[in-house]
PDB file of N, CA and C in Angstrom:
ATOM      1  N   MET A   1      56.793  32.072 123.602  1.00  0.00           N
ATOM      2  CA  MET A   1      57.833  31.384 124.495  1.00  0.00           C
ATOM      3  C   MET A   1      58.137  32.079 125.784  1.00  0.00           C
ATOM      4  N   THR A   2      58.215  31.284 126.656  1.00  0.00           N
ATOM      5  CA  THR A   2      57.967  31.742 127.893  1.00  0.00           C
ATOM      6  C   THR A   2      59.798  31.535 128.353  1.00  0.00           C
ATOM      7  N   TRP A   3      59.974  32.900 128.589  1.00  0.00           N
ATOM      8  CA  TRP A   3      61.858  32.784 128.667  1.00  0.00           C
ATOM      9  C   TRP A   3      62.096  32.948 130.034  1.00  0.00           C
ATOM     10  N   GLN A   4      63.128  32.073 130.555  1.00  0.00           N
ATOM     11  CA  GLN A   4      63.781  31.779 131.879  1.00  0.00           C
ATOM     12  C   GLN A   4      65.032  32.597 132.035  1.00  0.00           C
ATOM     13  N   ASP A   5      65.117  33.044 133.579  1.00  0.00           N
ATOM     14  CA  ASP A   5      66.588  33.694 133.447  1.00  0.00           C
ATOM     15  C   ASP A   5      67.756  32.789 132.802  1.00  0.00           C
ATOM     16  N   SER A   6      67.646  31.504 133.319  1.00  0.00           N
ATOM     17  CA  SER A   6      68.671  31.096 132.372  1.00  0.00           C
ATOM     18  C   SER A   6      69.017  30.806 131.030  1.00  0.00           C
ATOM     19  N   ASP A   7      67.877  31.062 130.593  1.00  0.00           N
ATOM     20  CA  ASP A   7      68.083  31.279 128.945  1.00  0.00           C
ATOM     21  C   ASP A   7      69.246  32.054 128.427  1.00  0.00           C
ATOM     22  N   ARG A   8      69.738  31.483 127.580  1.00  0.00           N
ATOM     23  CA  ARG A   8      71.144  32.600 126.809  1.00  0.00           C
ATOM     24  C   ARG A   8      70.716  32.687 125.604  1.00  0.00           C
ATOM     25  N   PRO A   9      70.065  33.767 124.941  1.00  0.00           N
ATOM     26  CA  PRO A   9      69.516  34.244 123.624  1.00  0.00           C
ATOM     27  C   PRO A   9      70.744  34.474 122.980  1.00  0.00           C
ATOM     28  N   ARG A  10      70.818  33.769 121.687  1.00  0.00           N
ATOM     29  CA  ARG A  10      71.943  34.374 120.510  1.00  0.00           C
ATOM     30  C   ARG A  10      71.049  35.121 119.668  1.00  0.00           C
ATOM     31  N   ALA A  11      71.764  36.137 119.225  1.00  0.00           N
ATOM     32  CA  ALA A  11      71.360  37.045 117.962  1.00  0.00           C
ATOM     33  C   ALA A  11      71.798  36.287 116.837  1.00  0.00           C
ATOM     34  N   ARG A  12      70.814  36.337 115.854  1.00  0.00           N
ATOM     35  CA  ARG A  12      71.259  35.290 114.380  1.00  0.00           C
ATOM     36  C   ARG A  12      72.371  35.839 113.876  1.00  0.00           C
ATOM     37  N   PRO A  13      73.703  35.144 113.703  1.00  0.00           N
ATOM     38  CA  PRO A  13      74.970  35.710 113.365  1.00  0.00           C
ATOM     39  C   PRO A  13      74.839  36.232 111.756  1.00  0.00           C
ATOM     40  N   ASP A  14      73.889  36.218 111.085  1.00  0.00           N
ATOM     41  CA  ASP A  14      74.019  36.688 109.705  1.00  0.00           C
ATOM     42  C   ASP A  14      73.388  37.766 109.276  1.00  0.00           C
ATOM     43  N   LEU A  15      72.569  38.468 110.537  1.00  0.00           N
ATOM     44  CA  LEU A  15      72.187  39.692 110.485  1.00  0.00           C
ATOM     45  C   LEU A  15      73.397  40.554 110.305  1.00  0.00           C
ATOM     46  N   GLY A  16      72.936  41.362 109.394  1.00  0.00           N
ATOM     47  CA  GLY A  16      73.918  42.982 109.291  1.00  0.00           C
ATOM     48  C   GLY A  16      73.245  43.897 110.254  1.00  0.00           C
ATOM     49  N   GLU A  17      74.459  44.395 111.147  1.00  0.00           N
ATOM     50  CA  GLU A  17      74.182  45.085 112.064  1.00  0.00           C
ATOM     51  C   GLU A  17      75.106  46.278 112.129  1.00  0.00           C
ATOM     52  N   ARG A  18      74.615  47.436 112.548  1.00  0.00           N
ATOM     53  CA  ARG A  18      75.247  48.588 112.876  1.00  0.00           C
ATOM     54  C   ARG A  18      74.357  49.720 113.766  1.00  0.00           C
ATOM     55  N   ILE A  19      75.390  50.083 114.846  1.00  0.00           N
ATOM     56  CA  ILE A  19      75.342  51.010 115.955  1.00  0.00           C
ATOM     57  C   ILE A  19      75.525  52.311 115.366  1.00  0.00           C
ATOM     58  N   ILE A  20      74.388  53.306 115.268  1.00  0.00           N
ATOM     59  CA  ILE A  20      74.784  54.716 114.988  1.00  0.00           C
ATOM     60  C   ILE A  20      73.810  55.430 115.954  1.00  0.00           C
ATOM     61  N   ASP A  21      74.533  56.314 116.709  1.00  0.00           N
ATOM     62  CA  ASP A  21      74.361  57.062 117.836  1.00  0.00           C
ATOM     63  C   ASP A  21      73.181  56.570 118.642  1.00  0.00           C
ATOM     64  N   GLY A  22      73.868  55.607 119.239  1.00  0.00           N
ATOM     65  CA  GLY A  22      73.541  54.365 120.217  1.00  0.00           C
ATOM     66  C   GLY A  22      72.467  53.951 119.584  1.00  0.00           C
ATOM     67  N   GLU A  23      71.690  53.990 118.247  1.00  0.00           N
ATOM     68  CA  GLU A  23      70.600  53.161 118.128  1.00  0.00           C
ATOM     69  C   GLU A  23      70.999  52.022 117.217  1.00  0.00           C
ATOM     70  N   ALA A  24      70.502  50.696 116.994  1.00  0.00           N
ATOM     71  CA  ALA A  24      71.053  49.584 116.136  1.00  0.00           C
ATOM     72  C   ALA A  24      70.480  49.731 115.266  1.00  0.00           C
ATOM     73  N   LEU A  25      70.852  49.241 114.088  1.00  0.00           N
ATOM     74  CA  LEU A  25      70.086  49.032 112.523  1.00  0.00           C
ATOM     75  C   LEU A  25      70.468  47.392 112.231  1.00  0.00           C
ATOM     76  N   LEU A  26      69.448  46.780 112.339  1.00  0.00           N
ATOM     77  CA  LEU A  26      69.671  45.447 112.001  1.00  0.00           C
ATOM     78  C   LEU A  26      68.912  45.057 110.748  1.00  0.00           C
ATOM     79  N   VAL A  27      69.535  44.492 109.518  1.00  0.00           N
ATOM     80  CA  VAL A  27      69.183  43.793 108.590  1.00  0.00           C
ATOM     81  C   VAL A  27      69.359  42.691 108.258  1.00  0.00           C
ATOM     82  N   ASP A  28      68.377  42.132 107.862  1.00  0.00           N
ATOM     83  CA  ASP A  28      67.897  40.826 107.513  1.00  0.00           C
ATOM     84  C   ASP A  28      67.844  40.579 105.895  1.00  0.00           C
ATOM     85  N   ALA A  29      69.023  40.648 105.253  1.00  0.00           N
ATOM     86  CA  ALA A  29      68.879  40.348 103.754  1.00  0.00           C
ATOM     87  C   ALA A  29      67.786  39.221 103.130  1.00  0.00           C
ATOM     88  N   GLU A  30      68.143  38.102 104.048  1.00  0.00           N
ATOM     89  CA  GLU A  30      67.308  36.878 103.530  1.00  0.00           C
ATOM     90  C   GLU A  30      65.691  37.288 103.468  1.00  0.00           C
ATOM     91  N   GLY A  31      65.331  37.674 104.785  1.00  0.00           N
ATOM     92  CA  GLY A  31      63.886  38.108 105.049  1.00  0.00           C
ATOM     93  C   GLY A  31      63.648  39.373 104.564  1.00  0.00           C
ATOM     94  N   GLY A  32      64.552  40.279 104.048  1.00  0.00           N
ATOM     95  CA  GLY A  32      63.989  41.549 103.516  1.00  0.00           C
ATOM     96  C   GLY A  32      63.671  42.716 104.595  1.00  0.00           C
ATOM     97  N   GLN A  33      63.947  42.092 105.779  1.00  0.00           N
ATOM     98  CA  GLN A  33      63.344  43.227 106.938  1.00  0.00           C
ATOM     99  C   GLN A  33      64.464  43.978 107.142  1.00  0.00           C
ATOM    100  N   ILE A  34      64.126  45.210 108.205  1.00  0.00           N
ATOM    101  CA  ILE A  34      65.251  45.948 108.749  1.00  0.00           C
ATOM    102  C   ILE A  34      64.401  46.506 110.166  1.00  0.00           C
ATOM    103  N   LEU A  35      65.432  46.020 111.095  1.00  0.00           N
ATOM    104  CA  LEU A  35      64.696  46.622 112.452  1.00  0.00           C
ATOM    105  C   LEU A  35      65.586  47.498 113.166  1.00  0.00           C
ATOM    106  N   VAL A  36      64.908  48.345 113.571  1.00  0.00           N
ATOM    107  CA  VAL A  36      65.540  49.393 114.200  1.00  0.00           C
ATOM    108  C   VAL A  36      65.363  49.462 115.829  1.00  0.00           C
ATOM    109  N   LEU A  37      66.139  49.168 116.275  1.00  0.00           N
ATOM    110  CA  LEU A  37      66.332  49.435 117.982  1.00  0.00           C
ATOM    111  C   LEU A  37      66.758  50.754 118.559  1.00  0.00           C
ATOM    112  N   ASN A  38      66.086  50.926 119.770  1.00  0.00           N
ATOM    113  CA  ASN A  38      66.183  52.246 120.452  1.00  0.00           C
ATOM    114  C   ASN A  38      67.540  51.887 121.113  1.00  0.00           C
ATOM    115  N   GLU A  39      68.018  53.029 122.053  1.00  0.00           N
ATOM    116  CA  GLU A  39      69.501  52.966 122.869  1.00  0.00           C
ATOM    117  C   GLU A  39      69.500  51.659 123.740  1.00  0.00           C
ATOM    118  N   VAL A  40      68.300  51.332 124.448  1.00  0.00           N
ATOM    119  CA  VAL A  40      68.265  50.121 125.237  1.00  0.00           C
ATOM    120  C   VAL A  40      68.082  48.952 124.406  1.00  0.00           C
ATOM    121  N   GLY A  41      67.289  48.938 123.485  1.00  0.00           N
ATOM    122  CA  GLY A  41      67.409  47.560 122.802  1.00  0.00           C
ATOM    123  C   GLY A  41      68.771  47.341 121.923  1.00  0.00           C
ATOM    124  N   ALA A  42      69.256  48.456 121.558  1.00  0.00           N
ATOM    125  CA  ALA A  42      70.909  48.294 121.028  1.00  0.00           C
ATOM    126  C   ALA A  42      72.002  47.723 122.112  1.00  0.00           C
ATOM    127  N   PHE A  43      71.535  48.358 123.157  1.00  0.00           N
ATOM    128  CA  PHE A  43      72.233  47.608 124.462  1.00  0.00           C
ATOM    129  C   PHE A  43      72.076  46.091 124.610  1.00  0.00           C
ATOM    130  N   ALA A  44      71.103  45.886 124.873  1.00  0.00           N
ATOM    131  CA  ALA A  44      70.793  44.389 125.125  1.00  0.00           C
ATOM    132  C   ALA A  44      71.128  43.650 123.834  1.00  0.00           C
ATOM    133  N   TRP A  45      70.825  44.063 122.728  1.00  0.00           N
ATOM    134  CA  TRP A  45      71.459  43.473 121.535  1.00  0.00           C
ATOM    135  C   TRP A  45      72.757  42.899 121.217  1.00  0.00           C
ATOM    136  N   GLN A  46      73.485  43.944 121.755  1.00  0.00           N
ATOM    137  CA  GLN A  46      75.007  43.328 122.214  1.00  0.00           C
ATOM    138  C   GLN A  46      75.461  42.578 123.095  1.00  0.00           C
ATOM    139  N   LEU A  47      74.681  42.153 123.987  1.00  0.00           N
ATOM    140  CA  LEU A  47      74.630  41.316 125.060  1.00  0.00           C
ATOM    141  C   LEU A  47      74.100  39.896 124.497  1.00  0.00           C
ATOM    142  N   LEU A  48      73.438  39.758 123.426  1.00  0.00           N
ATOM    143  CA  LEU A  48      72.515  38.239 123.091  1.00  0.00           C
ATOM    144  C   LEU A  48      73.714  37.825 122.258  1.00  0.00           C
ATOM    145  N   ASP A  49      74.721  36.813 123.047  1.00  0.00           N
ATOM    146  CA  ASP A  49      75.850  36.434 122.169  1.00  0.00           C
ATOM    147  C   ASP A  49      75.849  34.958 122.682  1.00  0.00           C
ATOM    148  N   GLY A  50      74.618  34.426 123.395  1.00  0.00           N
ATOM    149  CA  GLY A  50      74.765  33.297 123.793  1.00  0.00           C
ATOM    150  C   GLY A  50      75.298  32.779 125.046  1.00  0.00           C
ATOM    151  N   GLU A  51      76.401  33.832 125.525  1.00  0.00           N
ATOM    152  CA  GLU A  51      77.223  33.812 126.298  1.00  0.00           C
ATOM    153  C   GLU A  51      76.522  34.427 127.963  1.00  0.00           C
ATOM    154  N   HIS A  52      75.635  35.553 127.759  1.00  0.00           N
ATOM    155  CA  HIS A  52      75.083  35.963 128.896  1.00  0.00           C
ATOM    156  C   HIS A  52      73.575  35.213 128.897  1.00  0.00           C
ATOM    157  N   ASP A  53      72.953  35.106 129.894  1.00  0.00           N
ATOM    158  CA  ASP A  53      71.562  34.581 130.017  1.00  0.00           C
ATOM    159  C   ASP A  53      71.019  35.810 130.463  1.00  0.00           C
ATOM    160  N   VAL A  54      69.519  35.528 130.374  1.00  0.00           N
ATOM    161  CA  VAL A  54      68.497  36.635 130.573  1.00  0.00           C
ATOM    162  C   VAL A  54      68.743  37.470 131.817  1.00  0.00           C
ATOM    163  N   ALA A  55      68.926  36.906 133.012  1.00  0.00           N
ATOM    164  CA  ALA A  55      69.103  37.659 134.190  1.00  0.00           C
ATOM    165  C   ALA A  55      70.153  38.722 134.088  1.00  0.00           C
ATOM    166  N   SER A  56      71.591  38.204 133.451  1.00  0.00           N
ATOM    167  CA  SER A  56      72.440  38.991 133.615  1.00  0.00           C
ATOM    168  C   SER A  56      72.228  40.284 132.724  1.00  0.00           C
ATOM    169  N   VAL A  57      71.180  39.986 131.390  1.00  0.00           N
ATOM    170  CA  VAL A  57      71.290  40.721 130.615  1.00  0.00           C
ATOM    171  C   VAL A  57      70.215  41.944 131.720  1.00  0.00           C
ATOM    172  N   VAL A  58      69.149  41.762 132.284  1.00  0.00           N
ATOM    173  CA  VAL A  58      68.607  42.495 132.770  1.00  0.00           C
ATOM    174  C   VAL A  58      69.258  43.130 134.068  1.00  0.00           C
ATOM    175  N   THR A  59      70.568  42.522 134.691  1.00  0.00           N
ATOM    176  CA  THR A  59      71.219  43.294 135.431  1.00  0.00           C
ATOM    177  C   THR A  59      72.009  44.088 134.796  1.00  0.00           C
ATOM    178  N   ARG A  60      72.468  43.964 133.615  1.00  0.00           N
ATOM    179  CA  ARG A  60      73.227  44.987 133.132  1.00  0.00           C
ATOM    180  C   ARG A  60      72.797  46.312 132.373  1.00  0.00           C
ATOM    181  N   VAL A  61      71.258  45.934 132.339  1.00  0.00           N
ATOM    182  CA  VAL A  61      70.374  47.166 131.776  1.00  0.00           C
ATOM    183  C   VAL A  61      70.063  47.914 132.875  1.00  0.00           C
ATOM    184  N   LEU A  62      69.830  47.284 134.019  1.00  0.00           N
ATOM    185  CA  LEU A  62      69.767  48.128 135.343  1.00  0.00           C
ATOM    186  C   LEU A  62      70.807  48.982 135.775  1.00  0.00           C
ATOM    187  N   ASP A  63      72.290  48.507 135.580  1.00  0.00           N
ATOM    188  CA  ASP A  63      73.135  48.978 135.867  1.00  0.00           C
ATOM    189  C   ASP A  63      73.615  50.143 134.738  1.00  0.00           C
ATOM    190  N   GLU A  64      73.167  50.209 133.595  1.00  0.00           N
ATOM    191  CA  GLU A  64      73.148  51.200 132.579  1.00  0.00           C
ATOM    192  C   GLU A  64      72.261  52.403 132.315  1.00  0.00           C
ATOM    193  N   PHE A  65      70.674  51.993 133.090  1.00  0.00           N
ATOM    194  CA  PHE A  65      70.038  52.737 132.571  1.00  0.00           C
ATOM    195  C   PHE A  65      68.720  52.940 133.936  1.00  0.00           C
ATOM    196  N   ASP A  66      68.136  54.313 133.776  1.00  0.00           N
ATOM    197  CA  ASP A  66      67.377  54.509 134.786  1.00  0.00           C
ATOM    198  C   ASP A  66      66.120  53.796 135.026  1.00  0.00           C
ATOM    199  N   VAL A  67      66.037  52.769 135.361  1.00  0.00           N
ATOM    200  CA  VAL A  67      64.538  51.920 135.322  1.00  0.00           C
ATOM    201  C   VAL A  67      64.922  51.135 136.346  1.00  0.00           C
ATOM    202  N   ASP A  68      63.168  50.952 137.046  1.00  0.00           N
ATOM    203  CA  ASP A  68      63.320  49.890 138.087  1.00  0.00           C
ATOM    204  C   ASP A  68      63.197  48.375 137.597  1.00  0.00           C
ATOM    205  N   ALA A  69      63.682  47.442 138.432  1.00  0.00           N
ATOM    206  CA  ALA A  69      63.945  46.157 137.908  1.00  0.00           C
ATOM    207  C   ALA A  69      62.682  45.372 137.173  1.00  0.00           C
ATOM    208  N   ALA A  70      61.438  45.639 137.731  1.00  0.00           N
ATOM    209  CA  ALA A  70      60.249  45.005 137.188  1.00  0.00           C
ATOM    210  C   ALA A  70      60.217  45.497 135.811  1.00  0.00           C
ATOM    211  N   THR A  71      60.090  46.552 135.560  1.00  0.00           N
ATOM    212  CA  THR A  71      60.207  47.046 134.353  1.00  0.00           C
ATOM    213  C   THR A  71      61.171  46.760 133.466  1.00  0.00           C
ATOM    214  N   ALA A  72      62.218  46.944 133.978  1.00  0.00           N
ATOM    215  CA  ALA A  72      63.164  46.227 133.104  1.00  0.00           C
ATOM    216  C   ALA A  72      63.177  45.094 132.525  1.00  0.00           C
ATOM    217  N   ARG A  73      62.832  43.954 133.817  1.00  0.00           N
ATOM    218  CA  ARG A  73      62.758  42.679 133.215  1.00  0.00           C
ATOM    219  C   ARG A  73      61.476  42.291 132.283  1.00  0.00           C
ATOM    220  N   ALA A  74      60.318  42.991 132.437  1.00  0.00           N
ATOM    221  CA  ALA A  74      59.285  42.865 131.451  1.00  0.00           C
ATOM    222  C   ALA A  74      59.541  43.272 130.169  1.00  0.00           C
ATOM    223  N   ASP A  75      60.325  44.369 130.056  1.00  0.00           N
ATOM    224  CA  ASP A  75      60.715  45.145 128.860  1.00  0.00           C
ATOM    225  C   ASP A  75      61.464  44.124 128.125  1.00  0.00           C
ATOM    226  N   LEU A  76      62.667  43.512 128.737  1.00  0.00           N
ATOM    227  CA  LEU A  76      63.550  42.755 128.175  1.00  0.00           C
ATOM    228  C   LEU A  76      62.930  41.477 127.848  1.00  0.00           C
ATOM    229  N   LEU A  77      62.015  40.953 128.239  1.00  0.00           N
ATOM    230  CA  LEU A  77      61.158  39.774 127.703  1.00  0.00           C
ATOM    231  C   LEU A  77      60.729  40.073 126.712  1.00  0.00           C
ATOM    232  N   ALA A  78      59.667  41.196 126.717  1.00  0.00           N
ATOM    233  CA  ALA A  78      58.633  41.371 125.640  1.00  0.00           C
ATOM    234  C   ALA A  78      59.726  41.751 124.394  1.00  0.00           C
ATOM    235  N   PHE A  79      60.911  42.338 124.634  1.00  0.00           N
ATOM    236  CA  PHE A  79      62.039  42.732 123.222  1.00  0.00           C
ATOM    237  C   PHE A  79      62.609  41.050 122.909  1.00  0.00           C
ATOM    238  N   LEU A  80      62.469  40.307 123.789  1.00  0.00           N
ATOM    239  CA  LEU A  80      62.930  38.964 123.116  1.00  0.00           C
ATOM    240  C   LEU A  80      62.362  38.255 122.396  1.00  0.00           C
ATOM    241  N   THR A  81      61.015  38.114 123.012  1.00  0.00           N
ATOM    242  CA  THR A  81      59.918  37.957 122.381  1.00  0.00           C
ATOM    243  C   THR A  81      59.638  38.241 120.809  1.00  0.00           C
ATOM    244  N   ALA A  82      59.580  39.850 121.022  1.00  0.00           N
ATOM    245  CA  ALA A  82      59.801  40.276 119.529  1.00  0.00           C
ATOM    246  C   ALA A  82      60.811  39.953 118.743  1.00  0.00           C
ATOM    247  N   LEU A  83      61.829  39.724 118.769  1.00  0.00           N
ATOM    248  CA  LEU A  83      63.077  39.805 118.167  1.00  0.00           C
ATOM    249  C   LEU A  83      62.930  37.936 117.887  1.00  0.00           C
ATOM    250  N   LYS A  84      62.519  37.561 118.710  1.00  0.00           N
ATOM    251  CA  LYS A  84      62.449  35.700 118.277  1.00  0.00           C
ATOM    252  C   LYS A  84      61.242  35.753 117.367  1.00  0.00           C
ATOM    253  N   ASP A  85      59.920  36.517 117.413  1.00  0.00           N
ATOM    254  CA  ASP A  85      58.773  35.987 116.291  1.00  0.00           C
ATOM    255  C   ASP A  85      59.560  36.779 114.995  1.00  0.00           C
ATOM    256  N   ARG A  86      59.999  37.657 114.905  1.00  0.00           N
ATOM    257  CA  ARG A  86      60.963  38.421 113.711  1.00  0.00           C
ATOM    258  C   ARG A  86      62.191  37.567 113.253  1.00  0.00           C
ATOM    259  N   GLY A  87      62.430  36.365 114.005  1.00  0.00           N
ATOM    260  CA  GLY A  87      63.355  35.246 113.398  1.00  0.00           C
ATOM    261  C   GLY A  87      64.769  35.992 113.624  1.00  0.00           C
ATOM    262  N   ALA A  88      65.129  37.176 114.764  1.00  0.00           N
ATOM    263  CA  ALA A  88      66.247  37.741 114.848  1.00  0.00           C
ATOM    264  C   ALA A  88      66.950  37.100 115.674  1.00  0.00           C
ATOM    265  N   LEU A  89      66.595  35.943 116.521  1.00  0.00           N
ATOM    266  CA  LEU A  89      67.494  35.041 117.342  1.00  0.00           C
ATOM    267  C   LEU A  89      67.160  33.822 117.066  1.00  0.00           C
ATOM    268  N   VAL A  90      68.632  33.098 117.386  1.00  0.00           N
ATOM    269  CA  VAL A  90      68.954  31.567 117.083  1.00  0.00           C
ATOM    270  C   VAL A  90      68.263  30.915 118.174  1.00  0.00           C
ATOM    271  N   SER A  91      67.533  29.818 117.924  1.00  0.00           N
ATOM    272  CA  SER A  91      66.860  28.834 118.953  1.00  0.00           C
ATOM    273  C   SER A  91      67.746  28.028 119.675  1.00  0.00           C
TER     274      SER A  91
END
């Protein structure tokens, strides 16, 4: 999938989630998967509510972490693709 700045990714609401020491633990009881997200991933995950578009998530990451815009965007797009591939996002 090619993500556009205006896309509004949304986390699957039935995933269990727990934030521990800045990292996120996502539990997919149906699929039997556990995903562990680092601090940046956990931060972005909390914004995947269908209200924030890709561009605003990149902006928030830039505001919160010491990273350049090109890296933040590329990493976020790869992160979203990985989440989509694992079934953690709702279409």
